[in-house]
PDB file of N, CA and C in Angstrom:
ATOM      1  N   MET A   1       0.849  -1.179   0.000  1.00  0.00           N
ATOM      2  CA  MET A   1       0.000   0.000   0.000  1.00  0.00           C
ATOM      3  C   MET A   1       0.889   1.234   0.000  1.00  0.00           C
ATOM      4  N   SER A   2       0.600   2.204  -0.867  1.00  0.00           N
ATOM      5  CA  SER A   2       1.396   3.425  -0.924  1.00  0.00           C
ATOM      6  C   SER A   2       1.120   4.290   0.295  1.00  0.00           C
ATOM      7  N   SER A   3       2.055   5.177   0.604  1.00  0.00           N
ATOM      8  CA  SER A   3       1.867   6.034   1.768  1.00  0.00           C
ATOM      9  C   SER A   3       0.692   6.979   1.568  1.00  0.00           C
ATOM     10  N   ALA A   4       0.438   7.423   0.337  1.00  0.00           N
ATOM     11  CA  ALA A   4      -0.716   8.285   0.077  1.00  0.00           C
ATOM     12  C   ALA A   4      -2.008   7.532   0.362  1.00  0.00           C
ATOM     13  N   THR A   5      -2.058   6.266  -0.044  1.00  0.00           N
ATOM     14  CA  THR A   5      -3.228   5.440   0.224  1.00  0.00           C
ATOM     15  C   THR A   5      -3.380   5.198   1.717  1.00  0.00           C
ATOM     16  N   ALA A   6      -2.275   4.931   2.395  1.00  0.00           N
ATOM     17  CA  ALA A   6      -2.318   4.714   3.842  1.00  0.00           C
ATOM     18  C   ALA A   6      -2.847   5.953   4.548  1.00  0.00           C
ATOM     19  N   PHE A   7      -2.402   7.139   4.106  1.00  0.00           N
ATOM     20  CA  PHE A   7      -2.883   8.382   4.707  1.00  0.00           C
ATOM     21  C   PHE A   7      -4.387   8.522   4.518  1.00  0.00           C
ATOM     22  N   SER A   8      -4.859   8.363   3.288  1.00  0.00           N
ATOM     23  CA  SER A   8      -6.291   8.571   3.023  1.00  0.00           C
ATOM     24  C   SER A   8      -7.146   7.548   3.780  1.00  0.00           C
ATOM     25  N   GLU A   9      -6.689   6.313   3.831  1.00  0.00           N
ATOM     26  CA  GLU A   9      -7.456   5.292   4.555  1.00  0.00           C
ATOM     27  C   GLU A   9      -7.490   5.570   6.053  1.00  0.00           C
ATOM     28  N   GLU A  10      -6.358   5.980   6.599  1.00  0.00           N
ATOM     29  CA  GLU A  10      -6.301   6.280   8.033  1.00  0.00           C
ATOM     30  C   GLU A  10      -7.130   7.520   8.360  1.00  0.00           C
ATOM     31  N   LEU A  11      -7.070   8.528   7.498  1.00  0.00           N
ATOM     32  CA  LEU A  11      -7.873   9.729   7.701  1.00  0.00           C
ATOM     33  C   LEU A  11      -9.362   9.390   7.632  1.00  0.00           C
ATOM     34  N   ARG A  12      -9.752   8.623   6.628  1.00  0.00           N
ATOM     35  CA  ARG A  12     -11.157   8.230   6.475  1.00  0.00           C
ATOM     36  C   ARG A  12     -11.636   7.463   7.703  1.00  0.00           C
ATOM     37  N   SER A  13     -10.809   6.558   8.202  1.00  0.00           N
ATOM     38  CA  SER A  13     -11.160   5.774   9.380  1.00  0.00           C
ATOM     39  C   SER A  13     -11.304   6.670  10.615  1.00  0.00           C
ATOM     40  N   ALA A  14     -10.380   7.603  10.784  1.00  0.00           N
ATOM     41  CA  ALA A  14     -10.425   8.501  11.942  1.00  0.00           C
ATOM     42  C   ALA A  14     -11.661   9.399  11.892  1.00  0.00           C
ATOM     43  N   ILE A  15     -12.013   9.857  10.696  1.00  0.00           N
ATOM     44  CA  ILE A  15     -13.216  10.685  10.542  1.00  0.00           C
ATOM     45  C   ILE A  15     -14.458   9.869  10.878  1.00  0.00           C
ATOM     46  N   ALA A  16     -14.528   8.651  10.365  1.00  0.00           N
ATOM     47  CA  ALA A  16     -15.679   7.793  10.645  1.00  0.00           C
ATOM     48  C   ALA A  16     -15.801   7.508  12.142  1.00  0.00           C
ATOM     49  N   THR A  17     -14.672   7.213  12.786  1.00  0.00           N
ATOM     50  CA  THR A  17     -14.672   6.919  14.215  1.00  0.00           C
ATOM     51  C   THR A  17     -15.105   8.136  15.030  1.00  0.00           C
ATOM     52  N   SER A  18     -14.723   9.325  14.578  1.00  0.00           N
ATOM     53  CA  SER A  18     -15.063  10.545  15.318  1.00  0.00           C
ATOM     54  C   SER A  18     -16.552  10.851  15.280  1.00  0.00           C
ATOM     55  N   GLY A  19     -17.220  10.414  14.212  1.00  0.00           N
ATOM     56  CA  GLY A  19     -18.641  10.718  14.059  1.00  0.00           C
ATOM     57  C   GLY A  19     -18.895  12.151  13.589  1.00  0.00           C
ATOM     58  N   LEU A  20     -17.828  12.874  13.268  1.00  0.00           N
ATOM     59  CA  LEU A  20     -17.970  14.261  12.823  1.00  0.00           C
ATOM     60  C   LEU A  20     -18.143  14.322  11.303  1.00  0.00           C
ATOM     61  N   SER A  21     -18.968  15.249  10.857  1.00  0.00           N
ATOM     62  CA  SER A  21     -19.109  15.479   9.419  1.00  0.00           C
ATOM     63  C   SER A  21     -17.934  16.322   8.944  1.00  0.00           C
ATOM     64  N   LEU A  22     -17.699  16.318   7.641  1.00  0.00           N
ATOM     65  CA  LEU A  22     -16.634  17.150   7.090  1.00  0.00           C
ATOM     66  C   LEU A  22     -16.912  18.628   7.356  1.00  0.00           C
ATOM     67  N   ASP A  23     -18.182  19.017   7.331  1.00  0.00           N
ATOM     68  CA  ASP A  23     -18.536  20.407   7.634  1.00  0.00           C
ATOM     69  C   ASP A  23     -18.147  20.772   9.060  1.00  0.00           C
ATOM     70  N   ARG A  24     -18.401  19.866   9.995  1.00  0.00           N
ATOM     71  CA  ARG A  24     -18.063  20.129  11.403  1.00  0.00           C
ATOM     72  C   ARG A  24     -16.543  20.161  11.591  1.00  0.00           C
ATOM     73  N   ILE A  25     -15.855  19.255  10.921  1.00  0.00           N
ATOM     74  CA  ILE A  25     -14.388  19.247  11.004  1.00  0.00           C
ATOM     75  C   ILE A  25     -13.840  20.551  10.441  1.00  0.00           C
ATOM     76  N   GLN A  26     -14.376  20.998   9.310  1.00  0.00           N
ATOM     77  CA  GLN A  26     -13.933  22.257   8.726  1.00  0.00           C
ATOM     78  C   GLN A  26     -14.149  23.409   9.705  1.00  0.00           C
ATOM     79  N   ALA A  27     -15.304  23.432  10.375  1.00  0.00           N
ATOM     80  CA  ALA A  27     -15.594  24.494  11.339  1.00  0.00           C
ATOM     81  C   ALA A  27     -14.592  24.463  12.495  1.00  0.00           C
ATOM     82  N   ARG A  28     -14.250  23.278  12.965  1.00  0.00           N
ATOM     83  CA  ARG A  28     -13.280  23.167  14.062  1.00  0.00           C
ATOM     84  C   ARG A  28     -11.883  23.597  13.622  1.00  0.00           C
ATOM     85  N   LEU A  29     -11.530  23.280  12.391  1.00  0.00           N
ATOM     86  CA  LEU A  29     -10.246  23.750  11.864  1.00  0.00           C
ATOM     87  C   LEU A  29     -10.246  25.277  11.783  1.00  0.00           C
ATOM     88  N   GLN A  30     -11.341  25.831  11.288  1.00  0.00           N
ATOM     89  CA  GLN A  30     -11.472  27.286  11.165  1.00  0.00           C
ATOM     90  C   GLN A  30     -11.343  27.951  12.536  1.00  0.00           C
ATOM     91  N   GLU A  31     -11.953  27.360  13.561  1.00  0.00           N
ATOM     92  CA  GLU A  31     -11.857  27.891  14.927  1.00  0.00           C
ATOM     93  C   GLU A  31     -10.404  27.946  15.401  1.00  0.00           C
ATOM     94  N   ARG A  32      -9.590  27.049  14.898  1.00  0.00           N
ATOM     95  CA  ARG A  32      -8.171  26.991  15.269  1.00  0.00           C
ATOM     96  C   ARG A  32      -7.306  27.856  14.348  1.00  0.00           C
ATOM     97  N   GLY A  33      -7.949  28.561  13.435  1.00  0.00           N
ATOM     98  CA  GLY A  33      -7.203  29.429  12.521  1.00  0.00           C
ATOM     99  C   GLY A  33      -6.536  28.680  11.395  1.00  0.00           C
ATOM    100  N   VAL A  34      -7.082  27.506  11.067  1.00  0.00           N
ATOM    101  CA  VAL A  34      -6.513  26.678  10.003  1.00  0.00           C
ATOM    102  C   VAL A  34      -7.604  26.446   8.954  1.00  0.00           C
ATOM    103  N   PRO A  35      -7.739  27.374   7.997  1.00  0.00           N
ATOM    104  CA  PRO A  35      -8.799  27.227   7.002  1.00  0.00           C
ATOM    105  C   PRO A  35      -8.493  26.132   5.972  1.00  0.00           C
ATOM    106  N   VAL A  36      -9.422  25.215   5.844  1.00  0.00           N
ATOM    107  CA  VAL A  36      -9.338  24.139   4.842  1.00  0.00           C
ATOM    108  C   VAL A  36     -10.752  23.947   4.305  1.00  0.00           C
ATOM    109  N   SER A  37     -10.889  23.819   3.016  1.00  0.00           N
ATOM    110  CA  SER A  37     -12.222  23.639   2.433  1.00  0.00           C
ATOM    111  C   SER A  37     -12.718  22.211   2.661  1.00  0.00           C
ATOM    112  N   VAL A  38     -14.023  22.061   2.653  1.00  0.00           N
ATOM    113  CA  VAL A  38     -14.622  20.728   2.745  1.00  0.00           C
ATOM    114  C   VAL A  38     -14.182  19.888   1.553  1.00  0.00           C
ATOM    115  N   THR A  39     -14.042  20.530   0.394  1.00  0.00           N
ATOM    116  CA  THR A  39     -13.586  19.822  -0.806  1.00  0.00           C
ATOM    117  C   THR A  39     -12.195  19.243  -0.588  1.00  0.00           C
ATOM    118  N   ALA A  40     -11.292  20.028  -0.009  1.00  0.00           N
ATOM    119  CA  ALA A  40      -9.934  19.528   0.256  1.00  0.00           C
ATOM    120  C   ALA A  40      -9.982  18.348   1.218  1.00  0.00           C
ATOM    121  N   LEU A  41     -10.762  18.464   2.268  1.00  0.00           N
ATOM    122  CA  LEU A  41     -10.886  17.349   3.227  1.00  0.00           C
ATOM    123  C   LEU A  41     -11.410  16.098   2.526  1.00  0.00           C
ATOM    124  N   SER A  42     -12.391  16.288   1.671  1.00  0.00           N
ATOM    125  CA  SER A  42     -12.963  15.163   0.931  1.00  0.00           C
ATOM    126  C   SER A  42     -11.921  14.532   0.008  1.00  0.00           C
ATOM    127  N   TYR A  43     -11.171  15.363  -0.695  1.00  0.00           N
ATOM    128  CA  TYR A  43     -10.117  14.850  -1.578  1.00  0.00           C
ATOM    129  C   TYR A  43      -9.048  14.107  -0.787  1.00  0.00           C
ATOM    130  N   TRP A  44      -8.684  14.624   0.373  1.00  0.00           N
ATOM    131  CA  TRP A  44      -7.658  13.968   1.192  1.00  0.00           C
ATOM    132  C   TRP A  44      -8.120  12.590   1.641  1.00  0.00           C
ATOM    133  N   GLN A  45      -9.378  12.489   2.088  1.00  0.00           N
ATOM    134  CA  GLN A  45      -9.832  11.192   2.593  1.00  0.00           C
ATOM    135  C   GLN A  45     -10.140  10.203   1.479  1.00  0.00           C
ATOM    136  N   SER A  46     -10.395  10.711   0.267  1.00  0.00           N
ATOM    137  CA  SER A  46     -10.663   9.805  -0.861  1.00  0.00           C
ATOM    138  C   SER A  46      -9.374   9.388  -1.573  1.00  0.00           C
ATOM    139  N   GLY A  47      -8.282  10.106  -1.288  1.00  0.00           N
ATOM    140  CA  GLY A  47      -7.017   9.803  -1.940  1.00  0.00           C
ATOM    141  C   GLY A  47      -6.817  10.530  -3.259  1.00  0.00           C
ATOM    142  N   LYS A  48      -7.763  11.400  -3.639  1.00  0.00           N
ATOM    143  CA  LYS A  48      -7.609  12.159  -4.888  1.00  0.00           C
ATOM    144  C   LYS A  48      -6.477  13.172  -4.793  1.00  0.00           C
ATOM    145  N   ARG A  49      -6.260  13.688  -3.612  1.00  0.00           N
ATOM    146  CA  ARG A  49      -5.184  14.643  -3.356  1.00  0.00           C
ATOM    147  C   ARG A  49      -4.580  14.314  -2.001  1.00  0.00           C
ATOM    148  N   GLN A  50      -3.423  14.907  -1.738  1.00  0.00           N
ATOM    149  CA  GLN A  50      -2.821  14.753  -0.420  1.00  0.00           C
ATOM    150  C   GLN A  50      -2.266  16.097   0.022  1.00  0.00           C
ATOM    151  N   PRO A  51      -2.263  16.338   1.302  1.00  0.00           N
ATOM    152  CA  PRO A  51      -1.713  17.600   1.786  1.00  0.00           C
ATOM    153  C   PRO A  51      -0.208  17.636   1.550  1.00  0.00           C
ATOM    154  N   GLU A  52       0.282  18.739   0.984  1.00  0.00           N
ATOM    155  CA  GLU A  52       1.713  18.870   0.707  1.00  0.00           C
ATOM    156  C   GLU A  52       2.283  20.206   1.170  1.00  0.00           C
ATOM    157  N   ARG A  53       1.521  21.248   0.999  1.00  0.00           N
ATOM    158  CA  ARG A  53       2.034  22.582   1.331  1.00  0.00           C
ATOM    159  C   ARG A  53       2.041  22.783   2.839  1.00  0.00           C
ATOM    160  N   GLN A  54       2.836  23.752   3.266  1.00  0.00           N
ATOM    161  CA  GLN A  54       3.018  23.986   4.701  1.00  0.00           C
ATOM    162  C   GLN A  54       1.694  24.217   5.418  1.00  0.00           C
ATOM    163  N   ARG A  55       0.814  25.009   4.835  1.00  0.00           N
ATOM    164  CA  ARG A  55      -0.489  25.287   5.456  1.00  0.00           C
ATOM    165  C   ARG A  55      -1.316  24.010   5.586  1.00  0.00           C
ATOM    166  N   SER A  56      -1.253  23.164   4.585  1.00  0.00           N
ATOM    167  CA  SER A  56      -2.003  21.902   4.627  1.00  0.00           C
ATOM    168  C   SER A  56      -1.427  20.961   5.678  1.00  0.00           C
ATOM    169  N   LEU A  57      -0.108  20.964   5.827  1.00  0.00           N
ATOM    170  CA  LEU A  57       0.511  20.106   6.844  1.00  0.00           C
ATOM    171  C   LEU A  57       0.146  20.574   8.249  1.00  0.00           C
ATOM    172  N   ARG A  58       0.011  21.897   8.432  1.00  0.00           N
ATOM    173  CA  ARG A  58      -0.476  22.407   9.724  1.00  0.00           C
ATOM    174  C   ARG A  58      -1.904  21.934   9.967  1.00  0.00           C
ATOM    175  N   ALA A  59      -2.706  21.874   8.905  1.00  0.00           N
ATOM    176  CA  ALA A  59      -4.079  21.396   9.024  1.00  0.00           C
ATOM    177  C   ALA A  59      -4.108  19.935   9.458  1.00  0.00           C
ATOM    178  N   VAL A  60      -3.183  19.128   8.959  1.00  0.00           N
ATOM    179  CA  VAL A  60      -3.129  17.713   9.351  1.00  0.00           C
ATOM    180  C   VAL A  60      -2.819  17.599  10.845  1.00  0.00           C
ATOM    181  N   LEU A  61      -1.909  18.423  11.336  1.00  0.00           N
ATOM    182  CA  LEU A  61      -1.614  18.412  12.777  1.00  0.00           C
ATOM    183  C   LEU A  61      -2.852  18.769  13.587  1.00  0.00           C
ATOM    184  N   ALA A  62      -3.605  19.764  13.132  1.00  0.00           N
ATOM    185  CA  ALA A  62      -4.842  20.138  13.813  1.00  0.00           C
ATOM    186  C   ALA A  62      -5.881  19.020  13.699  1.00  0.00           C
ATOM    187  N   LEU A  63      -5.936  18.368  12.547  1.00  0.00           N
ATOM    188  CA  LEU A  63      -6.864  17.240  12.365  1.00  0.00           C
ATOM    189  C   LEU A  63      -6.577  16.123  13.371  1.00  0.00           C
ATOM    190  N   GLU A  64      -5.311  15.870  13.617  1.00  0.00           N
ATOM    191  CA  GLU A  64      -4.949  14.822  14.575  1.00  0.00           C
ATOM    192  C   GLU A  64      -5.535  15.130  15.949  1.00  0.00           C
ATOM    193  N   GLN A  65      -5.523  16.389  16.332  1.00  0.00           N
ATOM    194  CA  GLN A  65      -6.104  16.778  17.621  1.00  0.00           C
ATOM    195  C   GLN A  65      -7.624  16.671  17.586  1.00  0.00           C
ATOM    196  N   ILE A  66      -8.223  17.206  16.537  1.00  0.00           N
ATOM    197  CA  ILE A  66      -9.682  17.196  16.416  1.00  0.00           C
ATOM    198  C   ILE A  66     -10.222  15.767  16.376  1.00  0.00           C
ATOM    199  N   LEU A  67      -9.529  14.894  15.664  1.00  0.00           N
ATOM    200  CA  LEU A  67      -9.989  13.504  15.505  1.00  0.00           C
ATOM    201  C   LEU A  67      -9.493  12.596  16.628  1.00  0.00           C
ATOM    202  N   ASP A  68      -8.735  13.175  17.555  1.00  0.00           N
ATOM    203  CA  ASP A  68      -8.249  12.452  18.731  1.00  0.00           C
ATOM    204  C   ASP A  68      -7.430  11.214  18.356  1.00  0.00           C
ATOM    205  N   VAL A  69      -6.469  11.445  17.456  1.00  0.00           N
ATOM    206  CA  VAL A  69      -5.526  10.388  17.099  1.00  0.00           C
ATOM    207  C   VAL A  69      -4.148  10.831  17.584  1.00  0.00           C
ATOM    208  N   PRO A  70      -3.230   9.906  17.787  1.00  0.00           N
ATOM    209  CA  PRO A  70      -1.906  10.288  18.294  1.00  0.00           C
ATOM    210  C   PRO A  70      -1.212  11.315  17.403  1.00  0.00           C
ATOM    211  N   THR A  71      -0.543  12.265  18.034  1.00  0.00           N
ATOM    212  CA  THR A  71       0.193  13.296  17.311  1.00  0.00           C
ATOM    213  C   THR A  71       1.220  12.658  16.374  1.00  0.00           C
ATOM    214  N   GLY A  72       1.174  13.073  15.127  1.00  0.00           N
ATOM    215  CA  GLY A  72       2.104  12.569  14.124  1.00  0.00           C
ATOM    216  C   GLY A  72       1.629  11.319  13.404  1.00  0.00           C
ATOM    217  N   SER A  73       0.534  10.716  13.867  1.00  0.00           N
ATOM    218  CA  SER A  73       0.097   9.457  13.257  1.00  0.00           C
ATOM    219  C   SER A  73      -0.384   9.625  11.818  1.00  0.00           C
ATOM    220  N   LEU A  74      -1.045  10.721  11.521  1.00  0.00           N
ATOM    221  CA  LEU A  74      -1.466  10.969  10.135  1.00  0.00           C
ATOM    222  C   LEU A  74      -0.321  11.579   9.335  1.00  0.00           C
ATOM    223  N   LEU A  75       0.346  12.531   9.933  1.00  0.00           N
ATOM    224  CA  LEU A  75       1.442  13.217   9.252  1.00  0.00           C
ATOM    225  C   LEU A  75       2.531  12.232   8.804  1.00  0.00           C
ATOM    226  N   SER A  76       2.799  11.239   9.618  1.00  0.00           N
ATOM    227  CA  SER A  76       3.856  10.273   9.293  1.00  0.00           C
ATOM    228  C   SER A  76       3.506   9.389   8.094  1.00  0.00           C
ATOM    229  N   LEU A  77       2.246   9.356   7.713  1.00  0.00           N
ATOM    230  CA  LEU A  77       1.818   8.519   6.588  1.00  0.00           C
ATOM    231  C   LEU A  77       1.945   9.230   5.236  1.00  0.00           C
ATOM    232  N   LEU A  78       2.250  10.509   5.275  1.00  0.00           N
ATOM    233  CA  LEU A  78       2.360  11.267   4.022  1.00  0.00           C
ATOM    234  C   LEU A  78       3.722  11.062   3.371  1.00  0.00           C
ATOM    235  N   PRO A  79       3.733  10.903   2.047  1.00  0.00           N
ATOM    236  CA  PRO A  79       5.012  10.824   1.339  1.00  0.00           C
ATOM    237  C   PRO A  79       5.645  12.214   1.283  1.00  0.00           C
ATOM    238  N   PRO A  80       6.919  12.294   0.926  1.00  0.00           N
ATOM    239  CA  PRO A  80       7.557  13.611   0.778  1.00  0.00           C
ATOM    240  C   PRO A  80       6.813  14.430  -0.282  1.00  0.00           C
ATOM    241  N   PRO A  81       6.811  15.752  -0.135  1.00  0.00           N
ATOM    242  CA  PRO A  81       6.139  16.590  -1.142  1.00  0.00           C
ATOM    243  C   PRO A  81       6.783  16.434  -2.514  1.00  0.00           C
ATOM    244  N   ARG A  82       5.972  16.552  -3.530  1.00  0.00           N
ATOM    245  CA  ARG A  82       6.474  16.508  -4.903  1.00  0.00           C
ATOM    246  C   ARG A  82       7.229  17.790  -5.208  1.00  0.00           C
ATOM    247  N   PRO A  83       8.265  17.725  -6.045  1.00  0.00           N
ATOM    248  CA  PRO A  83       8.984  18.954  -6.428  1.00  0.00           C
ATOM    249  C   PRO A  83       8.048  19.893  -7.176  1.00  0.00           C
ATOM    250  N   ARG A  84       8.222  21.168  -6.941  1.00  0.00           N
ATOM    251  CA  ARG A  84       7.405  22.177  -7.619  1.00  0.00           C
ATOM    252  C   ARG A  84       8.322  23.197  -8.280  1.00  0.00           C
ATOM    253  N   GLY A  85       7.781  23.941  -9.217  1.00  0.00           N
ATOM    254  CA  GLY A  85       8.525  25.023  -9.838  1.00  0.00           C
ATOM    255  C   GLY A  85       9.569  24.541 -10.813  1.00  0.00           C
ATOM    256  N   ILE A  86      10.673  25.270 -10.883  1.00  0.00           N
ATOM    257  CA  ILE A  86      11.735  25.003 -11.869  1.00  0.00           C
ATOM    258  C   ILE A  86      12.315  23.606 -11.695  1.00  0.00           C
ATOM    259  N   ALA A  87      12.510  23.165 -10.453  1.00  0.00           N
ATOM    260  CA  ALA A  87      13.088  21.841 -10.212  1.00  0.00           C
ATOM    261  C   ALA A  87      12.235  20.748 -10.841  1.00  0.00           C
ATOM    262  N   SER A  88      10.936  20.864 -10.750  1.00  0.00           N
ATOM    263  CA  SER A  88      10.066  19.819 -11.320  1.00  0.00           C
ATOM    264  C   SER A  88      10.064  19.877 -12.839  1.00  0.00           C
ATOM    265  N   ARG A  89      10.183  21.071 -13.408  1.00  0.00           N
ATOM    266  CA  ARG A  89      10.201  21.192 -14.872  1.00  0.00           C
ATOM    267  C   ARG A  89      11.500  20.652 -15.462  1.00  0.00           C
ATOM    268  N   ARG A  90      12.596  20.787 -14.737  1.00  0.00           N
ATOM    269  CA  ARG A  90      13.881  20.257 -15.216  1.00  0.00           C
ATOM    270  C   ARG A  90      13.808  18.750 -15.420  1.00  0.00           C
ATOM    271  N   ASN A  91      13.083  18.069 -14.557  1.00  0.00           N
ATOM    272  CA  ASN A  91      12.980  16.617 -14.647  1.00  0.00           C
ATOM    273  C   ASN A  91      12.146  16.169 -15.829  1.00  0.00           C
ATOM    274  N   LEU A  92      11.346  17.062 -16.377  1.00  0.00           N
ATOM    275  CA  LEU A  92      10.501  16.709 -17.510  1.00  0.00           C
ATOM    276  C   LEU A  92      11.253  16.836 -18.833  1.00  0.00           C
ATOM    277  N   ALA A  93      12.315  17.595 -18.840  1.00  0.00           N
ATOM    278  CA  ALA A  93      13.054  17.846 -20.088  1.00  0.00           C
ATOM    279  C   ALA A  93      13.887  16.658 -20.510  1.00  0.00           C
TER     280      ALA A  93
END
């Protein structure tokens, strides 16, 4: 299983166990000053996308608290961020 898949499955499981809706989770993140859209949360738990940017990684840390899972348990399942910008374009040439 890829780390991205492991992250999405673990996130989905933690959300289900919490009994919270994505709307409620978004509201709790917002209360903590960590804005994340419901669409992003949905993409993360479905595996369509994964958090990579610094703001998104802060959201994962807040999610761990909101969902009452051990600190670092979700974050540790994420693969390294993909290269962006000039570095990523060089690899395509």
